[in-house]
Amino acid sequence: MKQLVPQIETIGFIVRDSPSGKALKIQINNESDTYLAKIGTFELLKTLKDIKANEKLKECNAFFIDSVTGMLNDRGEPLTNKEIIPFINNTFGKPLIGANNSHVEYGALCAVAKTGHEQGDGAANKLMKAMQGTSVSKIPITRNYKGKRVINVTVMKMFGINPNPTALLGATLVRTKE
């Protein structure tokens, strides 16, 4: 995001109130001192009404979204990324960072998405170690380090973002799905 919009200073996190959302909050709190932007707020929310009414989010320059699928509309119905992401865009008019391809395809500006290749390769290597006699308790838990950069050109145009061309190198460019 900082390569596309260098003036971003504060990021608000919008995450559905769930076990995975709470786990992400712990991870963000542990890593936040390494980020290029300040964490404005991290909000675990249940409904679109919660998003719209949240005053802390209004102070942020951009948002990171994850695990938003399943948030509820005013009738208590669970929503999809395709419904939630445009709502957030329309409510705040600020760029979104997604956690995966579908976030970007439905209106987030960008994401560094996990690749199945990295996850599959890691799982296969761990399985081979176990099959060769290494105790499972001795095989370390690892995290992804590689990712695929995805940028939504429809959203870049919507926000008038004209990045340095080097920020686009190696990225997959997509348009917002209708």
C-alpha atoms as a PDB file:
ATOM      1  CA  MET A   1       0.000   0.000   0.000  1.00  0.00           C
ATOM      2  CA  LYS A   2       2.798   2.446   0.885  1.00  0.00           C
ATOM      3  CA  GLN A   3       4.345   1.862  -2.555  1.00  0.00           C
ATOM      4  CA  LEU A   4       1.046   2.787  -4.197  1.00  0.00           C
ATOM      5  CA  VAL A   5      -0.002   5.570  -1.803  1.00  0.00           C
ATOM      6  CA  PRO A   6       3.100   6.799   0.080  1.00  0.00           C
ATOM      7  CA  GLN A   7       1.174   9.408   2.114  1.00  0.00           C
ATOM      8  CA  ILE A   8      -0.783   6.715   4.028  1.00  0.00           C
ATOM      9  CA  GLU A   9       0.053   7.162   7.715  1.00  0.00           C
ATOM     10  CA  THR A  10      -2.558   5.197   9.688  1.00  0.00           C
ATOM     11  CA  ILE A  11      -4.206   1.869   8.938  1.00  0.00           C
ATOM     12  CA  GLY A  12      -7.458   0.738  10.504  1.00  0.00           C
ATOM     13  CA  PHE A  13      -8.109  -2.978  10.726  1.00  0.00           C
ATOM     14  CA  ILE A  14     -11.653  -4.168  10.014  1.00  0.00           C
ATOM     15  CA  VAL A  15     -12.085  -7.803  10.958  1.00  0.00           C
ATOM     16  CA  ARG A  16     -15.134  -9.902  11.803  1.00  0.00           C
ATOM     17  CA  ASP A  17     -15.375 -10.727  15.518  1.00  0.00           C
ATOM     18  CA  SER A  18     -14.411 -14.402  15.369  1.00  0.00           C
ATOM     19  CA  PRO A  19     -11.673 -16.719  16.681  1.00  0.00           C
ATOM     20  CA  SER A  20      -9.574 -16.095  13.554  1.00  0.00           C
ATOM     21  CA  GLY A  21     -10.120 -12.342  13.904  1.00  0.00           C
ATOM     22  CA  LYS A  22      -8.927 -12.461  17.516  1.00  0.00           C
ATOM     23  CA  ALA A  23      -5.870 -14.484  16.490  1.00  0.00           C
ATOM     24  CA  LEU A  24      -5.064 -11.909  13.809  1.00  0.00           C
ATOM     25  CA  LYS A  25      -5.309  -9.129  16.382  1.00  0.00           C
ATOM     26  CA  ILE A  26      -2.663 -10.859  18.510  1.00  0.00           C
ATOM     27  CA  GLN A  27      -0.402 -11.251  15.463  1.00  0.00           C
ATOM     28  CA  ILE A  28      -0.822  -7.588  14.477  1.00  0.00           C
ATOM     29  CA  ASN A  29      -0.095  -6.422  18.020  1.00  0.00           C
ATOM     30  CA  ASN A  30       3.096  -8.510  18.035  1.00  0.00           C
ATOM     31  CA  GLU A  31       4.304  -7.243  14.637  1.00  0.00           C
ATOM     32  CA  SER A  32       3.032  -3.665  14.469  1.00  0.00           C
ATOM     33  CA  ASP A  33       6.385  -2.067  15.294  1.00  0.00           C
ATOM     34  CA  THR A  34       7.724  -3.418  11.968  1.00  0.00           C
ATOM     35  CA  TYR A  35       4.974  -1.847   9.823  1.00  0.00           C
ATOM     36  CA  LEU A  36       5.508   1.164   7.579  1.00  0.00           C
ATOM     37  CA  ALA A  37       2.270   2.780   8.772  1.00  0.00           C
ATOM     38  CA  LYS A  38       0.902   3.297  12.266  1.00  0.00           C
ATOM     39  CA  ILE A  39      -1.981   1.121  13.435  1.00  0.00           C
ATOM     40  CA  GLY A  40      -4.865   3.546  13.939  1.00  0.00           C
ATOM     41  CA  THR A  41      -7.240   0.977  15.381  1.00  0.00           C
ATOM     42  CA  PHE A  42      -8.036  -2.730  15.211  1.00  0.00           C
ATOM     43  CA  GLU A  43     -11.770  -3.354  15.280  1.00  0.00           C
ATOM     44  CA  LEU A  44     -13.427  -6.738  15.760  1.00  0.00           C
ATOM     45  CA  LEU A  45     -16.931  -6.125  14.419  1.00  0.00           C
ATOM     46  CA  LYS A  46     -20.085  -8.137  13.782  1.00  0.00           C
ATOM     47  CA  THR A  47     -22.296  -5.988  11.555  1.00  0.00           C
ATOM     48  CA  LEU A  48     -22.204  -3.363   8.818  1.00  0.00           C
ATOM     49  CA  LYS A  49     -23.855  -1.020  11.295  1.00  0.00           C
ATOM     50  CA  ASP A  50     -20.846  -1.509  13.610  1.00  0.00           C
ATOM     51  CA  ILE A  51     -18.511  -0.531  10.767  1.00  0.00           C
ATOM     52  CA  LYS A  52     -20.454   2.592   9.845  1.00  0.00           C
ATOM     53  CA  ALA A  53     -20.825   3.811  13.447  1.00  0.00           C
ATOM     54  CA  ASN A  54     -17.180   3.287  14.412  1.00  0.00           C
ATOM     55  CA  GLU A  55     -15.589   6.684  15.069  1.00  0.00           C
ATOM     56  CA  LYS A  56     -12.030   5.318  15.382  1.00  0.00           C
ATOM     57  CA  LEU A  57     -12.120   4.036  11.794  1.00  0.00           C
ATOM     58  CA  LYS A  58     -13.003   7.472  10.454  1.00  0.00           C
ATOM     59  CA  GLU A  59      -9.585   8.750  11.580  1.00  0.00           C
ATOM     60  CA  CYS A  60      -7.596   6.229   9.509  1.00  0.00           C
ATOM     61  CA  ASN A  61      -6.103   6.869   6.046  1.00  0.00           C
ATOM     62  CA  ALA A  62      -6.646   3.314   4.802  1.00  0.00           C
ATOM     63  CA  PHE A  63      -7.974  -0.035   5.985  1.00  0.00           C
ATOM     64  CA  PHE A  64      -6.856  -3.649   6.128  1.00  0.00           C
ATOM     65  CA  ILE A  65      -9.691  -6.139   5.916  1.00  0.00           C
ATOM     66  CA  ASP A  66      -9.641  -9.846   6.694  1.00  0.00           C
ATOM     67  CA  SER A  67     -12.203 -12.465   7.616  1.00  0.00           C
ATOM     68  CA  VAL A  68     -15.095 -10.093   6.903  1.00  0.00           C
ATOM     69  CA  THR A  69     -17.243 -12.731   5.206  1.00  0.00           C
ATOM     70  CA  GLY A  70     -20.181 -13.495   7.471  1.00  0.00           C
ATOM     71  CA  MET A  71     -20.639 -10.005   8.877  1.00  0.00           C
ATOM     72  CA  LEU A  72     -24.340  -9.254   9.206  1.00  0.00           C
ATOM     73  CA  ASN A  73     -26.502  -6.734   7.388  1.00  0.00           C
ATOM     74  CA  ASP A  74     -29.354  -4.800   9.058  1.00  0.00           C
ATOM     75  CA  ARG A  75     -31.650  -7.831   8.710  1.00  0.00           C
ATOM     76  CA  GLY A  76     -29.153 -10.138  10.454  1.00  0.00           C
ATOM     77  CA  GLU A  77     -28.185 -11.919   7.232  1.00  0.00           C
ATOM     78  CA  PRO A  78     -24.539 -12.953   6.689  1.00  0.00           C
ATOM     79  CA  LEU A  79     -22.819 -11.191   3.804  1.00  0.00           C
ATOM     80  CA  THR A  80     -20.044 -12.019   1.351  1.00  0.00           C
ATOM     81  CA  ASN A  81     -16.887 -10.118   0.395  1.00  0.00           C
ATOM     82  CA  LYS A  82     -18.714  -9.007  -2.754  1.00  0.00           C
ATOM     83  CA  GLU A  83     -21.279  -7.198  -0.572  1.00  0.00           C
ATOM     84  CA  ILE A  84     -19.089  -6.006   2.311  1.00  0.00           C
ATOM     85  CA  ILE A  85     -16.112  -4.536   0.442  1.00  0.00           C
ATOM     86  CA  PRO A  86     -18.134  -2.040  -1.656  1.00  0.00           C
ATOM     87  CA  PHE A  87     -19.980  -1.049   1.541  1.00  0.00           C
ATOM     88  CA  ILE A  88     -16.675  -0.208   3.247  1.00  0.00           C
ATOM     89  CA  ASN A  89     -15.454   1.659   0.148  1.00  0.00           C
ATOM     90  CA  ASN A  90     -18.665   3.691  -0.014  1.00  0.00           C
ATOM     91  CA  THR A  91     -18.748   4.363   3.741  1.00  0.00           C
ATOM     92  CA  PHE A  92     -15.189   5.678   4.096  1.00  0.00           C
ATOM     93  CA  GLY A  93     -13.898   6.439   0.581  1.00  0.00           C
ATOM     94  CA  LYS A  94     -10.411   5.300   1.543  1.00  0.00           C
ATOM     95  CA  PRO A  95      -8.242   2.508   0.092  1.00  0.00           C
ATOM     96  CA  LEU A  96      -8.490  -1.046   1.395  1.00  0.00           C
ATOM     97  CA  ILE A  97      -5.732  -3.596   1.732  1.00  0.00           C
ATOM     98  CA  GLY A  98      -7.068  -7.109   1.358  1.00  0.00           C
ATOM     99  CA  ALA A  99      -5.742 -10.406   2.596  1.00  0.00           C
ATOM    100  CA  ASN A 100      -6.457 -12.440  -0.531  1.00  0.00           C
ATOM    101  CA  ASN A 101      -7.328 -12.322  -4.241  1.00  0.00           C
ATOM    102  CA  SER A 102     -11.093 -12.133  -3.731  1.00  0.00           C
ATOM    103  CA  HIS A 103     -10.777  -9.015  -1.573  1.00  0.00           C
ATOM    104  CA  VAL A 104      -8.960  -7.262  -4.418  1.00  0.00           C
ATOM    105  CA  GLU A 105     -11.352  -8.582  -7.057  1.00  0.00           C
ATOM    106  CA  TYR A 106     -14.302  -7.124  -5.109  1.00  0.00           C
ATOM    107  CA  GLY A 107     -12.821  -3.671  -4.518  1.00  0.00           C
ATOM    108  CA  ALA A 108      -9.772  -3.649  -2.255  1.00  0.00           C
ATOM    109  CA  LEU A 109      -6.835  -1.752  -3.747  1.00  0.00           C
ATOM    110  CA  CYS A 110      -4.200  -4.385  -3.137  1.00  0.00           C
ATOM    111  CA  ALA A 111      -3.109  -7.524  -1.309  1.00  0.00           C
ATOM    112  CA  VAL A 112      -0.151  -9.797  -0.896  1.00  0.00           C
ATOM    113  CA  ALA A 113      -2.002 -13.089  -1.203  1.00  0.00           C
ATOM    114  CA  LYS A 114      -0.782 -16.415   0.089  1.00  0.00           C
ATOM    115  CA  THR A 115       0.005 -18.889  -2.632  1.00  0.00           C
ATOM    116  CA  GLY A 116      -1.091 -22.486  -2.548  1.00  0.00           C
ATOM    117  CA  HIS A 117       2.311 -23.381  -3.976  1.00  0.00           C
ATOM    118  CA  GLU A 118       4.205 -22.132  -0.928  1.00  0.00           C
ATOM    119  CA  GLN A 119       1.762 -23.757   1.480  1.00  0.00           C
ATOM    120  CA  GLY A 120       1.752 -27.057  -0.424  1.00  0.00           C
ATOM    121  CA  ASP A 121       5.529 -27.128  -0.699  1.00  0.00           C
ATOM    122  CA  GLY A 122       5.892 -26.474   3.032  1.00  0.00           C
ATOM    123  CA  ALA A 123       3.358 -29.160   3.927  1.00  0.00           C
ATOM    124  CA  ALA A 124       5.049 -31.689   1.634  1.00  0.00           C
ATOM    125  CA  ASN A 125       8.473 -30.979   3.159  1.00  0.00           C
ATOM    126  CA  LYS A 126       7.099 -31.443   6.677  1.00  0.00           C
ATOM    127  CA  LEU A 127       5.368 -34.672   5.698  1.00  0.00           C
ATOM    128  CA  MET A 128       8.624 -36.002   4.224  1.00  0.00           C
ATOM    129  CA  LYS A 129      10.465 -35.232   7.475  1.00  0.00           C
ATOM    130  CA  ALA A 130       7.790 -37.053   9.483  1.00  0.00           C
ATOM    131  CA  MET A 131       7.876 -40.025   7.116  1.00  0.00           C
ATOM    132  CA  GLN A 132      11.667 -40.174   7.509  1.00  0.00           C
ATOM    133  CA  GLY A 133      11.300 -40.516  11.267  1.00  0.00           C
ATOM    134  CA  THR A 134      11.420 -36.958  12.597  1.00  0.00           C
ATOM    135  CA  SER A 135       9.046 -36.617  15.535  1.00  0.00           C
ATOM    136  CA  VAL A 136       6.160 -34.324  14.665  1.00  0.00           C
ATOM    137  CA  SER A 137       6.884 -32.342  17.843  1.00  0.00           C
ATOM    138  CA  LYS A 138      10.350 -31.567  16.429  1.00  0.00           C
ATOM    139  CA  ILE A 139       9.034 -30.204  13.114  1.00  0.00           C
ATOM    140  CA  PRO A 140       8.740 -26.439  13.514  1.00  0.00           C
ATOM    141  CA  ILE A 141       5.609 -24.455  12.804  1.00  0.00           C
ATOM    142  CA  THR A 142       6.396 -22.019  10.024  1.00  0.00           C
ATOM    143  CA  ARG A 143       4.734 -19.049   8.395  1.00  0.00           C
ATOM    144  CA  ASN A 144       4.383 -17.888   4.824  1.00  0.00           C
ATOM    145  CA  TYR A 145       7.113 -15.585   3.556  1.00  0.00           C
ATOM    146  CA  LYS A 146       6.219 -15.418  -0.091  1.00  0.00           C
ATOM    147  CA  GLY A 147       3.116 -13.964  -1.604  1.00  0.00           C
ATOM    148  CA  LYS A 148       1.588 -12.813  -4.826  1.00  0.00           C
ATOM    149  CA  ARG A 149       1.084  -9.052  -5.102  1.00  0.00           C
ATOM    150  CA  VAL A 150      -2.345  -8.239  -6.522  1.00  0.00           C
ATOM    151  CA  ILE A 151      -3.434  -4.699  -7.448  1.00  0.00           C
ATOM    152  CA  ASN A 152      -6.875  -3.545  -8.558  1.00  0.00           C
ATOM    153  CA  VAL A 153      -6.561  -1.038 -11.417  1.00  0.00           C
ATOM    154  CA  THR A 154     -10.257  -0.082 -11.175  1.00  0.00           C
ATOM    155  CA  VAL A 155      -9.684   1.050  -7.587  1.00  0.00           C
ATOM    156  CA  MET A 156      -6.449   2.847  -8.521  1.00  0.00           C
ATOM    157  CA  LYS A 157      -8.429   4.841 -11.062  1.00  0.00           C
ATOM    158  CA  MET A 158     -11.282   5.471  -8.588  1.00  0.00           C
ATOM    159  CA  PHE A 159      -8.841   7.008  -6.082  1.00  0.00           C
ATOM    160  CA  GLY A 160      -6.715   8.781  -8.712  1.00  0.00           C
ATOM    161  CA  ILE A 161      -3.650   6.769  -7.735  1.00  0.00           C
ATOM    162  CA  ASN A 162      -0.761   7.092 -10.188  1.00  0.00           C
ATOM    163  CA  PRO A 163       2.019   5.020  -8.644  1.00  0.00           C
ATOM    164  CA  ASN A 164       5.630   4.883  -9.592  1.00  0.00           C
ATOM    165  CA  PRO A 165       5.709   2.198 -12.326  1.00  0.00           C
ATOM    166  CA  THR A 166       8.214   0.143 -10.333  1.00  0.00           C
ATOM    167  CA  ALA A 167       5.471  -0.469  -7.730  1.00  0.00           C
ATOM    168  CA  LEU A 168       3.579  -2.433 -10.390  1.00  0.00           C
ATOM    169  CA  LEU A 169       6.466  -4.681 -11.433  1.00  0.00           C
ATOM    170  CA  GLY A 170       5.710  -8.335 -10.756  1.00  0.00           C
ATOM    171  CA  ALA A 171       2.173  -7.636  -9.551  1.00  0.00           C
ATOM    172  CA  THR A 172      -0.956  -9.245 -10.932  1.00  0.00           C
ATOM    173  CA  LEU A 173      -3.311  -6.500 -12.101  1.00  0.00           C
ATOM    174  CA  VAL A 174      -7.070  -7.098 -11.848  1.00  0.00           C
ATOM    175  CA  ARG A 175     -10.281  -5.124 -12.319  1.00  0.00           C
ATOM    176  CA  THR A 176     -13.195  -5.033  -9.874  1.00  0.00           C
ATOM    177  CA  LYS A 177     -15.696  -7.797 -10.556  1.00  0.00           C
ATOM    178  CA  GLU A 178     -19.258  -6.663 -11.135  1.00  0.00           C
END
